[in-house]
């Protein structure tokens, strides 16, 4: 017996992830929390790529390739962001967004 999950279920999960990411991005002051929120938004779009590919063009793999490309971009973005956060922490010993304005010369 195979249970089929309809596209609406994937879209609900993706929408919840997107709004959690947007909410977290606008309400958090910690740079790591902002990074996690941005990752939630990117993962929600990757879910949409894969789901729409599966339901609209099941014989093609373009949506899956876009998802893999999005994962690669997210990994590179995370590496650069963590390097920036480490440098900010070394300079001012905090990673809150309010304190970054002190770095302006």
PDB file of N, CA and C in Angstrom:
ATOM      1  N   UNK A   1       0.844  -1.179   0.000  1.00  0.00           N
ATOM      2  CA  UNK A   1       0.000   0.000   0.000  1.00  0.00           C
ATOM      3  C   UNK A   1       0.888   1.241   0.000  1.00  0.00           C
ATOM      4  N   UNK A   2       0.673   2.065  -0.974  1.00  0.00           N
ATOM      5  CA  UNK A   2       1.485   3.275  -1.124  1.00  0.00           C
ATOM      6  C   UNK A   2       0.664   4.496  -0.737  1.00  0.00           C
ATOM      7  N   UNK A   3       1.230   5.299   0.107  1.00  0.00           N
ATOM      8  CA  UNK A   3       0.563   6.528   0.532  1.00  0.00           C
ATOM      9  C   UNK A   3       1.087   7.665  -0.329  1.00  0.00           C
ATOM     10  N   UNK A   4       0.182   8.352  -0.993  1.00  0.00           N
ATOM     11  CA  UNK A   4       0.599   9.464  -1.845  1.00  0.00           C
ATOM     12  C   UNK A   4       0.438  10.779  -1.090  1.00  0.00           C
ATOM     13  N   UNK A   5       1.480  11.543  -1.107  1.00  0.00           N
ATOM     14  CA  UNK A   5       1.445  12.857  -0.481  1.00  0.00           C
ATOM     15  C   UNK A   5       1.210  13.879  -1.582  1.00  0.00           C
ATOM     16  N   UNK A   6       0.194  14.675  -1.441  1.00  0.00           N
ATOM     17  CA  UNK A   6      -0.169  15.638  -2.467  1.00  0.00           C
ATOM     18  C   UNK A   6       0.704  16.875  -2.384  1.00  0.00           C
ATOM     19  N   UNK A   7       0.695  17.624  -3.465  1.00  0.00           N
ATOM     20  CA  UNK A   7       1.555  18.808  -3.572  1.00  0.00           C
ATOM     21  C   UNK A   7       1.220  19.848  -2.505  1.00  0.00           C
ATOM     22  N   UNK A   8      -0.004  19.917  -2.070  1.00  0.00           N
ATOM     23  CA  UNK A   8      -0.397  20.925  -1.076  1.00  0.00           C
ATOM     24  C   UNK A   8       0.324  20.707   0.246  1.00  0.00           C
ATOM     25  N   UNK A   9       0.595  19.461   0.592  1.00  0.00           N
ATOM     26  CA  UNK A   9       1.299  19.185   1.844  1.00  0.00           C
ATOM     27  C   UNK A   9       2.740  19.709   1.797  1.00  0.00           C
ATOM     28  N   UNK A  10       3.394  19.507   0.659  1.00  0.00           N
ATOM     29  CA  UNK A  10       4.740  20.043   0.501  1.00  0.00           C
ATOM     30  C   UNK A  10       4.734  21.571   0.522  1.00  0.00           C
ATOM     31  N   UNK A  11       3.737  22.148  -0.110  1.00  0.00           N
ATOM     32  CA  UNK A  11       3.668  23.608  -0.162  1.00  0.00           C
ATOM     33  C   UNK A  11       3.375  24.213   1.205  1.00  0.00           C
ATOM     34  N   UNK A  12       2.596  23.517   2.023  1.00  0.00           N
ATOM     35  CA  UNK A  12       2.341  24.004   3.382  1.00  0.00           C
ATOM     36  C   UNK A  12       3.634  24.002   4.194  1.00  0.00           C
ATOM     37  N   UNK A  13       4.397  22.905   4.110  1.00  0.00           N
ATOM     38  CA  UNK A  13       5.675  22.831   4.830  1.00  0.00           C
ATOM     39  C   UNK A  13       6.630  23.907   4.330  1.00  0.00           C
ATOM     40  N   UNK A  14       6.692  24.083   3.025  1.00  0.00           N
ATOM     41  CA  UNK A  14       7.576  25.085   2.446  1.00  0.00           C
ATOM     42  C   UNK A  14       7.172  26.501   2.854  1.00  0.00           C
ATOM     43  N   UNK A  15       5.881  26.761   2.893  1.00  0.00           N
ATOM     44  CA  UNK A  15       5.397  28.081   3.301  1.00  0.00           C
ATOM     45  C   UNK A  15       5.696  28.356   4.768  1.00  0.00           C
ATOM     46  N   UNK A  16       5.513  27.347   5.603  1.00  0.00           N
ATOM     47  CA  UNK A  16       5.834  27.513   7.031  1.00  0.00           C
ATOM     48  C   UNK A  16       7.319  27.808   7.207  1.00  0.00           C
ATOM     49  N   UNK A  17       8.164  27.063   6.480  1.00  0.00           N
ATOM     50  CA  UNK A  17       9.608  27.314   6.571  1.00  0.00           C
ATOM     51  C   UNK A  17       9.954  28.712   6.090  1.00  0.00           C
ATOM     52  N   UNK A  18       9.325  29.144   5.003  1.00  0.00           N
ATOM     53  CA  UNK A  18       9.606  30.477   4.447  1.00  0.00           C
ATOM     54  C   UNK A  18       9.226  31.562   5.444  1.00  0.00           C
ATOM     55  N   UNK A  19       8.050  31.465   6.029  1.00  0.00           N
ATOM     56  CA  UNK A  19       7.619  32.504   6.963  1.00  0.00           C
ATOM     57  C   UNK A  19       8.403  32.465   8.267  1.00  0.00           C
ATOM     58  N   UNK A  20       8.805  31.283   8.716  1.00  0.00           N
ATOM     59  CA  UNK A  20       9.675  31.209   9.902  1.00  0.00           C
ATOM     60  C   UNK A  20      11.010  31.877   9.621  1.00  0.00           C
ATOM     61  N   UNK A  21      11.551  31.657   8.435  1.00  0.00           N
ATOM     62  CA  UNK A  21      12.809  32.289   8.065  1.00  0.00           C
ATOM     63  C   UNK A  21      12.689  33.794   7.962  1.00  0.00           C
ATOM     64  N   UNK A  22      11.618  34.281   7.355  1.00  0.00           N
ATOM     65  CA  UNK A  22      11.417  35.733   7.219  1.00  0.00           C
ATOM     66  C   UNK A  22      11.199  36.362   8.583  1.00  0.00           C
ATOM     67  N   UNK A  23      10.392  35.722   9.422  1.00  0.00           N
ATOM     68  CA  UNK A  23      10.150  36.236  10.770  1.00  0.00           C
ATOM     69  C   UNK A  23      11.454  36.290  11.573  1.00  0.00           C
ATOM     70  N   UNK A  24      12.220  35.217  11.515  1.00  0.00           N
ATOM     71  CA  UNK A  24      13.479  35.179  12.239  1.00  0.00           C
ATOM     72  C   UNK A  24      14.474  36.201  11.727  1.00  0.00           C
ATOM     73  N   UNK A  25      14.473  36.429  10.422  1.00  0.00           N
ATOM     74  CA  UNK A  25      15.413  37.387   9.847  1.00  0.00           C
ATOM     75  C   UNK A  25      15.119  38.809  10.315  1.00  0.00           C
ATOM     76  N   UNK A  26      13.846  39.135  10.466  1.00  0.00           N
ATOM     77  CA  UNK A  26      13.495  40.500  10.867  1.00  0.00           C
ATOM     78  C   UNK A  26      13.446  40.708  12.375  1.00  0.00           C
ATOM     79  N   UNK A  27      13.393  39.650  13.164  1.00  0.00           N
ATOM     80  CA  UNK A  27      13.250  39.831  14.608  1.00  0.00           C
ATOM     81  C   UNK A  27      14.513  39.519  15.396  1.00  0.00           C
ATOM     82  N   UNK A  28      15.438  38.780  14.855  1.00  0.00           N
ATOM     83  CA  UNK A  28      16.638  38.387  15.598  1.00  0.00           C
ATOM     84  C   UNK A  28      17.735  39.428  15.468  1.00  0.00           C
ATOM     85  N   UNK A  29      18.577  39.520  16.491  1.00  0.00           N
ATOM     86  CA  UNK A  29      19.707  40.440  16.463  1.00  0.00           C
ATOM     87  C   UNK A  29      21.042  39.705  16.442  1.00  0.00           C
ATOM     88  N   UNK A  30      21.026  38.403  16.648  1.00  0.00           N
ATOM     89  CA  UNK A  30      22.233  37.593  16.620  1.00  0.00           C
ATOM     90  C   UNK A  30      22.550  37.238  15.172  1.00  0.00           C
ATOM     91  N   UNK A  31      23.810  37.403  14.772  1.00  0.00           N
ATOM     92  CA  UNK A  31      24.180  37.137  13.385  1.00  0.00           C
ATOM     93  C   UNK A  31      24.013  35.668  13.006  1.00  0.00           C
ATOM     94  N   UNK A  32      24.256  34.763  13.936  1.00  0.00           N
ATOM     95  CA  UNK A  32      24.055  33.343  13.631  1.00  0.00           C
ATOM     96  C   UNK A  32      22.572  33.013  13.436  1.00  0.00           C
ATOM     97  N   UNK A  33      21.708  33.638  14.210  1.00  0.00           N
ATOM     98  CA  UNK A  33      20.266  33.433  14.034  1.00  0.00           C
ATOM     99  C   UNK A  33      19.808  33.991  12.687  1.00  0.00           C
ATOM    100  N   UNK A  34      20.391  35.098  12.259  1.00  0.00           N
ATOM    101  CA  UNK A  34      20.064  35.637  10.938  1.00  0.00           C
ATOM    102  C   UNK A  34      20.508  34.677   9.839  1.00  0.00           C
ATOM    103  N   UNK A  35      21.657  34.073  10.019  1.00  0.00           N
ATOM    104  CA  UNK A  35      22.148  33.106   9.038  1.00  0.00           C
ATOM    105  C   UNK A  35      21.236  31.881   8.973  1.00  0.00           C
ATOM    106  N   UNK A  36      20.806  31.392  10.105  1.00  0.00           N
ATOM    107  CA  UNK A  36      19.894  30.244  10.135  1.00  0.00           C
ATOM    108  C   UNK A  36      18.565  30.600   9.468  1.00  0.00           C
ATOM    109  N   UNK A  37      18.095  31.814   9.693  1.00  0.00           N
ATOM    110  CA  UNK A  37      16.844  32.247   9.066  1.00  0.00           C
ATOM    111  C   UNK A  37      16.982  32.321   7.551  1.00  0.00           C
ATOM    112  N   UNK A  38      18.110  32.816   7.078  1.00  0.00           N
ATOM    113  CA  UNK A  38      18.335  32.854   5.626  1.00  0.00           C
ATOM    114  C   UNK A  38      18.400  31.444   5.052  1.00  0.00           C
ATOM    115  N   UNK A  39      18.977  30.519   5.791  1.00  0.00           N
ATOM    116  CA  UNK A  39      19.032  29.124   5.339  1.00  0.00           C
ATOM    117  C   UNK A  39      17.634  28.508   5.268  1.00  0.00           C
ATOM    118  N   UNK A  40      16.769  28.853   6.195  1.00  0.00           N
ATOM    119  CA  UNK A  40      15.383  28.365   6.137  1.00  0.00           C
ATOM    120  C   UNK A  40      14.690  28.829   4.863  1.00  0.00           C
ATOM    121  N   UNK A  41      14.899  30.077   4.495  1.00  0.00           N
ATOM    122  CA  UNK A  41      14.286  30.607   3.272  1.00  0.00           C
ATOM    123  C   UNK A  41      14.832  29.874   2.055  1.00  0.00           C
ATOM    124  N   UNK A  42      16.140  29.665   2.012  1.00  0.00           N
ATOM    125  CA  UNK A  42      16.728  28.958   0.874  1.00  0.00           C
ATOM    126  C   UNK A  42      16.249  27.508   0.800  1.00  0.00           C
ATOM    127  N   UNK A  43      16.111  26.845   1.933  1.00  0.00           N
ATOM    128  CA  UNK A  43      15.613  25.465   1.928  1.00  0.00           C
ATOM    129  C   UNK A  43      14.161  25.387   1.494  1.00  0.00           C
ATOM    130  N   UNK A  44      13.369  26.393   1.833  1.00  0.00           N
ATOM    131  CA  UNK A  44      11.976  26.415   1.377  1.00  0.00           C
ATOM    132  C   UNK A  44      11.907  26.514  -0.145  1.00  0.00           C
ATOM    133  N   UNK A  45      12.778  27.309  -0.742  1.00  0.00           N
ATOM    134  CA  UNK A  45      12.777  27.402  -2.208  1.00  0.00           C
ATOM    135  C   UNK A  45      13.264  26.104  -2.843  1.00  0.00           C
ATOM    136  N   UNK A  46      14.224  25.432  -2.211  1.00  0.00           N
ATOM    137  CA  UNK A  46      14.685  24.146  -2.749  1.00  0.00           C
ATOM    138  C   UNK A  46      13.578  23.094  -2.712  1.00  0.00           C
ATOM    139  N   UNK A  47      12.778  23.097  -1.664  1.00  0.00           N
ATOM    140  CA  UNK A  47      11.634  22.187  -1.602  1.00  0.00           C
ATOM    141  C   UNK A  47      10.675  22.481  -2.751  1.00  0.00           C
ATOM    142  N   UNK A  48      10.421  23.748  -3.006  1.00  0.00           N
ATOM    143  CA  UNK A  48       9.517  24.111  -4.101  1.00  0.00           C
ATOM    144  C   UNK A  48      10.067  23.663  -5.452  1.00  0.00           C
ATOM    145  N   UNK A  49      11.360  23.832  -5.681  1.00  0.00           N
ATOM    146  CA  UNK A  49      11.955  23.369  -6.940  1.00  0.00           C
ATOM    147  C   UNK A  49      11.710  21.880  -7.143  1.00  0.00           C
ATOM    148  N   UNK A  50      11.997  21.084  -6.134  1.00  0.00           N
ATOM    149  CA  UNK A  50      11.864  19.635  -6.267  1.00  0.00           C
ATOM    150  C   UNK A  50      10.408  19.204  -6.418  1.00  0.00           C
ATOM    151  N   UNK A  51       9.520  19.830  -5.653  1.00  0.00           N
ATOM    152  CA  UNK A  51       8.109  19.433  -5.692  1.00  0.00           C
ATOM    153  C   UNK A  51       7.461  19.787  -7.027  1.00  0.00           C
ATOM    154  N   UNK A  52       7.695  21.010  -7.491  1.00  0.00           N
ATOM    155  CA  UNK A  52       7.082  21.389  -8.759  1.00  0.00           C
ATOM    156  C   UNK A  52       7.662  20.588  -9.915  1.00  0.00           C
ATOM    157  N   UNK A  53       8.925  20.225  -9.832  1.00  0.00           N
ATOM    158  CA  UNK A  53       9.481  19.366 -10.863  1.00  0.00           C
ATOM    159  C   UNK A  53       8.811  18.000 -10.837  1.00  0.00           C
ATOM    160  N   UNK A  54       8.591  17.457  -9.649  1.00  0.00           N
ATOM    161  CA  UNK A  54       7.986  16.125  -9.542  1.00  0.00           C
ATOM    162  C   UNK A  54       6.553  16.101 -10.076  1.00  0.00           C
ATOM    163  N   UNK A  55       5.792  17.145  -9.790  1.00  0.00           N
ATOM    164  CA  UNK A  55       4.385  17.123 -10.181  1.00  0.00           C
ATOM    165  C   UNK A  55       4.126  17.674 -11.579  1.00  0.00           C
ATOM    166  N   UNK A  56       4.964  18.566 -12.067  1.00  0.00           N
ATOM    167  CA  UNK A  56       4.722  19.136 -13.390  1.00  0.00           C
ATOM    168  C   UNK A  56       5.479  18.400 -14.493  1.00  0.00           C
ATOM    169  N   UNK A  57       6.737  18.047 -14.225  1.00  0.00           N
ATOM    170  CA  UNK A  57       7.564  17.380 -15.223  1.00  0.00           C
ATOM    171  C   UNK A  57       8.284  16.191 -14.589  1.00  0.00           C
ATOM    172  N   UNK A  58       7.560  15.119 -14.282  1.00  0.00           N
ATOM    173  CA  UNK A  58       8.185  14.000 -13.549  1.00  0.00           C
ATOM    174  C   UNK A  58       9.276  13.276 -14.339  1.00  0.00           C
ATOM    175  N   UNK A  59       9.282  13.401 -15.662  1.00  0.00           N
ATOM    176  CA  UNK A  59      10.300  12.696 -16.446  1.00  0.00           C
ATOM    177  C   UNK A  59      11.587  13.500 -16.595  1.00  0.00           C
ATOM    178  N   UNK A  60      11.598  14.749 -16.171  1.00  0.00           N
ATOM    179  CA  UNK A  60      12.789  15.598 -16.261  1.00  0.00           C
ATOM    180  C   UNK A  60      13.374  15.827 -14.866  1.00  0.00           C
ATOM    181  N   UNK A  61      14.604  16.318 -14.826  1.00  0.00           N
ATOM    182  CA  UNK A  61      15.288  16.509 -13.545  1.00  0.00           C
ATOM    183  C   UNK A  61      15.736  17.949 -13.314  1.00  0.00           C
ATOM    184  N   UNK A  62      15.162  18.896 -14.043  1.00  0.00           N
ATOM    185  CA  UNK A  62      15.617  20.280 -13.908  1.00  0.00           C
ATOM    186  C   UNK A  62      15.411  20.823 -12.497  1.00  0.00           C
ATOM    187  N   UNK A  63      14.281  20.522 -11.882  1.00  0.00           N
ATOM    188  CA  UNK A  63      14.008  21.003 -10.532  1.00  0.00           C
ATOM    189  C   UNK A  63      14.986  20.457  -9.516  1.00  0.00           C
ATOM    190  N   UNK A  64      15.380  19.211  -9.707  1.00  0.00           N
ATOM    191  CA  UNK A  64      16.347  18.606  -8.796  1.00  0.00           C
ATOM    192  C   UNK A  64      17.726  19.228  -8.984  1.00  0.00           C
ATOM    193  N   UNK A  65      18.085  19.532 -10.236  1.00  0.00           N
ATOM    194  CA  UNK A  65      19.369  20.194 -10.467  1.00  0.00           C
ATOM    195  C   UNK A  65      19.372  21.606  -9.890  1.00  0.00           C
ATOM    196  N   UNK A  66      18.252  22.312 -10.008  1.00  0.00           N
ATOM    197  CA  UNK A  66      18.154  23.634  -9.387  1.00  0.00           C
ATOM    198  C   UNK A  66      18.281  23.521  -7.867  1.00  0.00           C
ATOM    199  N   UNK A  67      17.684  22.492  -7.293  1.00  0.00           N
ATOM    200  CA  UNK A  67      17.801  22.279  -5.843  1.00  0.00           C
ATOM    201  C   UNK A  67      19.246  22.008  -5.441  1.00  0.00           C
ATOM    202  N   UNK A  68      19.932  21.163  -6.193  1.00  0.00           N
ATOM    203  CA  UNK A  68      21.337  20.887  -5.894  1.00  0.00           C
ATOM    204  C   UNK A  68      22.187  22.143  -6.046  1.00  0.00           C
ATOM    205  N   UNK A  69      21.908  22.927  -7.066  1.00  0.00           N
ATOM    206  CA  UNK A  69      22.628  24.190  -7.252  1.00  0.00           C
ATOM    207  C   UNK A  69      22.341  25.132  -6.090  1.00  0.00           C
ATOM    208  N   UNK A  70      21.091  25.190  -5.645  1.00  0.00           N
ATOM    209  CA  UNK A  70      20.729  26.021  -4.499  1.00  0.00           C
ATOM    210  C   UNK A  70      21.412  25.569  -3.225  1.00  0.00           C
ATOM    211  N   UNK A  71      21.554  24.259  -3.038  1.00  0.00           N
ATOM    212  CA  UNK A  71      22.257  23.739  -1.863  1.00  0.00           C
ATOM    213  C   UNK A  71      23.732  24.128  -1.918  1.00  0.00           C
ATOM    214  N   UNK A  72      24.332  24.054  -3.092  1.00  0.00           N
ATOM    215  CA  UNK A  72      25.740  24.440  -3.239  1.00  0.00           C
ATOM    216  C   UNK A  72      25.927  25.924  -2.957  1.00  0.00           C
ATOM    217  N   UNK A  73      25.041  26.752  -3.460  1.00  0.00           N
ATOM    218  CA  UNK A  73      25.118  28.195  -3.206  1.00  0.00           C
ATOM    219  C   UNK A  73      24.926  28.471  -1.716  1.00  0.00           C
ATOM    220  N   UNK A  74      23.985  27.776  -1.075  1.00  0.00           N
ATOM    221  CA  UNK A  74      23.751  27.974   0.358  1.00  0.00           C
ATOM    222  C   UNK A  74      24.972  27.566   1.176  1.00  0.00           C
ATOM    223  N   UNK A  75      25.653  26.489   0.767  1.00  0.00           N
ATOM    224  CA  UNK A  75      26.851  26.055   1.490  1.00  0.00           C
ATOM    225  C   UNK A  75      27.964  27.086   1.356  1.00  0.00           C
ATOM    226  N   UNK A  76      28.144  27.626   0.166  1.00  0.00           N
ATOM    227  CA  UNK A  76      29.171  28.657  -0.032  1.00  0.00           C
ATOM    228  C   UNK A  76      28.821  29.924   0.741  1.00  0.00           C
ATOM    229  N   UNK A  77      27.562  30.297   0.713  1.00  0.00           N
ATOM    230  CA  UNK A  77      27.110  31.483   1.451  1.00  0.00           C
ATOM    231  C   UNK A  77      27.304  31.309   2.949  1.00  0.00           C
ATOM    232  N   UNK A  78      27.057  30.115   3.443  1.00  0.00           N
ATOM    233  CA  UNK A  78      27.235  29.844   4.867  1.00  0.00           C
ATOM    234  C   UNK A  78      28.711  29.919   5.255  1.00  0.00           C
ATOM    235  N   UNK A  79      29.580  29.388   4.432  1.00  0.00           N
ATOM    236  CA  UNK A  79      31.013  29.433   4.739  1.00  0.00           C
ATOM    237  C   UNK A  79      31.511  30.876   4.801  1.00  0.00           C
ATOM    238  N   UNK A  80      31.101  31.691   3.845  1.00  0.00           N
ATOM    239  CA  UNK A  80      31.522  33.098   3.838  1.00  0.00           C
ATOM    240  C   UNK A  80      30.922  33.841   5.023  1.00  0.00           C
ATOM    241  N   UNK A  81      29.659  33.594   5.310  1.00  0.00           N
ATOM    242  CA  UNK A  81      28.998  34.289   6.421  1.00  0.00           C
ATOM    243  C   UNK A  81      29.622  33.920   7.760  1.00  0.00           C
ATOM    244  N   UNK A  82      29.952  32.654   7.958  1.00  0.00           N
ATOM    245  CA  UNK A  82      30.574  32.252   9.223  1.00  0.00           C
ATOM    246  C   UNK A  82      31.962  32.876   9.352  1.00  0.00           C
ATOM    247  N   UNK A  83      32.702  32.983   8.253  1.00  0.00           N
ATOM    248  CA  UNK A  83      34.011  33.643   8.306  1.00  0.00           C
ATOM    249  C   UNK A  83      33.857  35.116   8.694  1.00  0.00           C
ATOM    250  N   UNK A  84      32.853  35.774   8.145  1.00  0.00           N
ATOM    251  CA  UNK A  84      32.601  37.177   8.506  1.00  0.00           C
ATOM    252  C   UNK A  84      32.199  37.289   9.970  1.00  0.00           C
ATOM    253  N   UNK A  85      31.349  36.398  10.440  1.00  0.00           N
ATOM    254  CA  UNK A  85      30.905  36.431  11.838  1.00  0.00           C
ATOM    255  C   UNK A  85      32.087  36.201  12.781  1.00  0.00           C
ATOM    256  N   UNK A  86      32.986  35.290  12.418  1.00  0.00           N
ATOM    257  CA  UNK A  86      34.173  35.058  13.256  1.00  0.00           C
ATOM    258  C   UNK A  86      35.037  36.313  13.321  1.00  0.00           C
ATOM    259  N   UNK A  87      35.229  36.991  12.197  1.00  0.00           N
ATOM    260  CA  UNK A  87      36.020  38.225  12.205  1.00  0.00           C
ATOM    261  C   UNK A  87      35.347  39.324  13.013  1.00  0.00           C
ATOM    262  N   UNK A  88      34.034  39.434  12.935  1.00  0.00           N
ATOM    263  CA  UNK A  88      33.318  40.428  13.742  1.00  0.00           C
ATOM    264  C   UNK A  88      33.489  40.109  15.218  1.00  0.00           C
ATOM    265  N   UNK A  89      33.387  38.833  15.573  1.00  0.00           N
ATOM    266  CA  UNK A  89      33.536  38.447  16.977  1.00  0.00           C
ATOM    267  C   UNK A  89      34.951  38.739  17.483  1.00  0.00           C
ATOM    268  N   UNK A  90      35.949  38.509  16.652  1.00  0.00           N
ATOM    269  CA  UNK A  90      37.334  38.793  17.054  1.00  0.00           C
ATOM    270  C   UNK A  90      37.557  40.283  17.290  1.00  0.00           C
ATOM    271  N   UNK A  91      36.871  41.129  16.537  1.00  0.00           N
ATOM    272  CA  UNK A  91      37.079  42.570  16.665  1.00  0.00           C
ATOM    273  C   UNK A  91      36.310  43.189  17.819  1.00  0.00           C
ATOM    274  N   UNK A  92      35.064  42.779  18.036  1.00  0.00           N
ATOM    275  CA  UNK A  92      34.246  43.456  19.053  1.00  0.00           C
ATOM    276  C   UNK A  92      33.709  42.524  20.127  1.00  0.00           C
ATOM    277  N   UNK A  93      34.060  41.233  20.090  1.00  0.00           N
ATOM    278  CA  UNK A  93      33.683  40.241  21.106  1.00  0.00           C
ATOM    279  C   UNK A  93      32.181  40.058  21.282  1.00  0.00           C
ATOM    280  N   UNK A  94      31.396  40.394  20.301  1.00  0.00           N
ATOM    281  CA  UNK A  94      29.952  40.119  20.286  1.00  0.00           C
ATOM    282  C   UNK A  94      29.509  39.921  18.848  1.00  0.00           C
ATOM    283  N   UNK A  95      28.384  39.226  18.686  1.00  0.00           N
ATOM    284  CA  UNK A  95      27.867  39.002  17.333  1.00  0.00           C
ATOM    285  C   UNK A  95      26.437  39.515  17.206  1.00  0.00           C
ATOM    286  N   UNK A  96      26.133  40.581  17.899  1.00  0.00           N
ATOM    287  CA  UNK A  96      24.817  41.202  17.778  1.00  0.00           C
ATOM    288  C   UNK A  96      24.860  42.271  16.692  1.00  0.00           C
ATOM    289  N   UNK A  97      23.754  42.426  15.988  1.00  0.00           N
ATOM    290  CA  UNK A  97      23.748  43.381  14.885  1.00  0.00           C
ATOM    291  C   UNK A  97      23.842  44.816  15.362  1.00  0.00           C
ATOM    292  N   UNK A  98      23.430  45.103  16.579  1.00  0.00           N
ATOM    293  CA  UNK A  98      23.515  46.471  17.092  1.00  0.00           C
ATOM    294  C   UNK A  98      24.963  46.918  17.262  1.00  0.00           C
ATOM    295  N   UNK A  99      25.850  45.985  17.566  1.00  0.00           N
ATOM    296  CA  UNK A  99      27.232  46.318  17.845  1.00  0.00           C
ATOM    297  C   UNK A  99      28.089  46.450  16.605  1.00  0.00           C
ATOM    298  N   UNK A 100      27.591  46.038  15.463  1.00  0.00           N
ATOM    299  CA  UNK A 100      28.383  46.098  14.232  1.00  0.00           C
ATOM    300  C   UNK A 100      28.585  47.544  13.780  1.00  0.00           C
ATOM    301  N   UNK A 101      27.677  48.437  14.150  1.00  0.00           N
ATOM    302  CA  UNK A 101      27.824  49.834  13.747  1.00  0.00           C
ATOM    303  C   UNK A 101      29.054  50.472  14.395  1.00  0.00           C
ATOM    304  N   UNK A 102      29.578  49.885  15.464  1.00  0.00           N
ATOM    305  CA  UNK A 102      30.793  50.388  16.101  1.00  0.00           C
ATOM    306  C   UNK A 102      32.019  50.195  15.213  1.00  0.00           C
ATOM    307  N   UNK A 103      31.951  49.304  14.253  1.00  0.00           N
ATOM    308  CA  UNK A 103      33.094  49.013  13.394  1.00  0.00           C
ATOM    309  C   UNK A 103      33.284  50.058  12.304  1.00  0.00           C
ATOM    310  N   UNK A 104      32.319  50.929  12.083  1.00  0.00           N
ATOM    311  CA  UNK A 104      32.462  51.940  11.047  1.00  0.00           C
ATOM    312  C   UNK A 104      33.605  52.877  11.426  1.00  0.00           C
ATOM    313  N   UNK A 105      34.433  53.168  10.450  1.00  0.00           N
ATOM    314  CA  UNK A 105      35.614  53.965  10.734  1.00  0.00           C
ATOM    315  C   UNK A 105      35.407  55.369  10.441  1.00  0.00           C
TER     316      UNK A 105
END
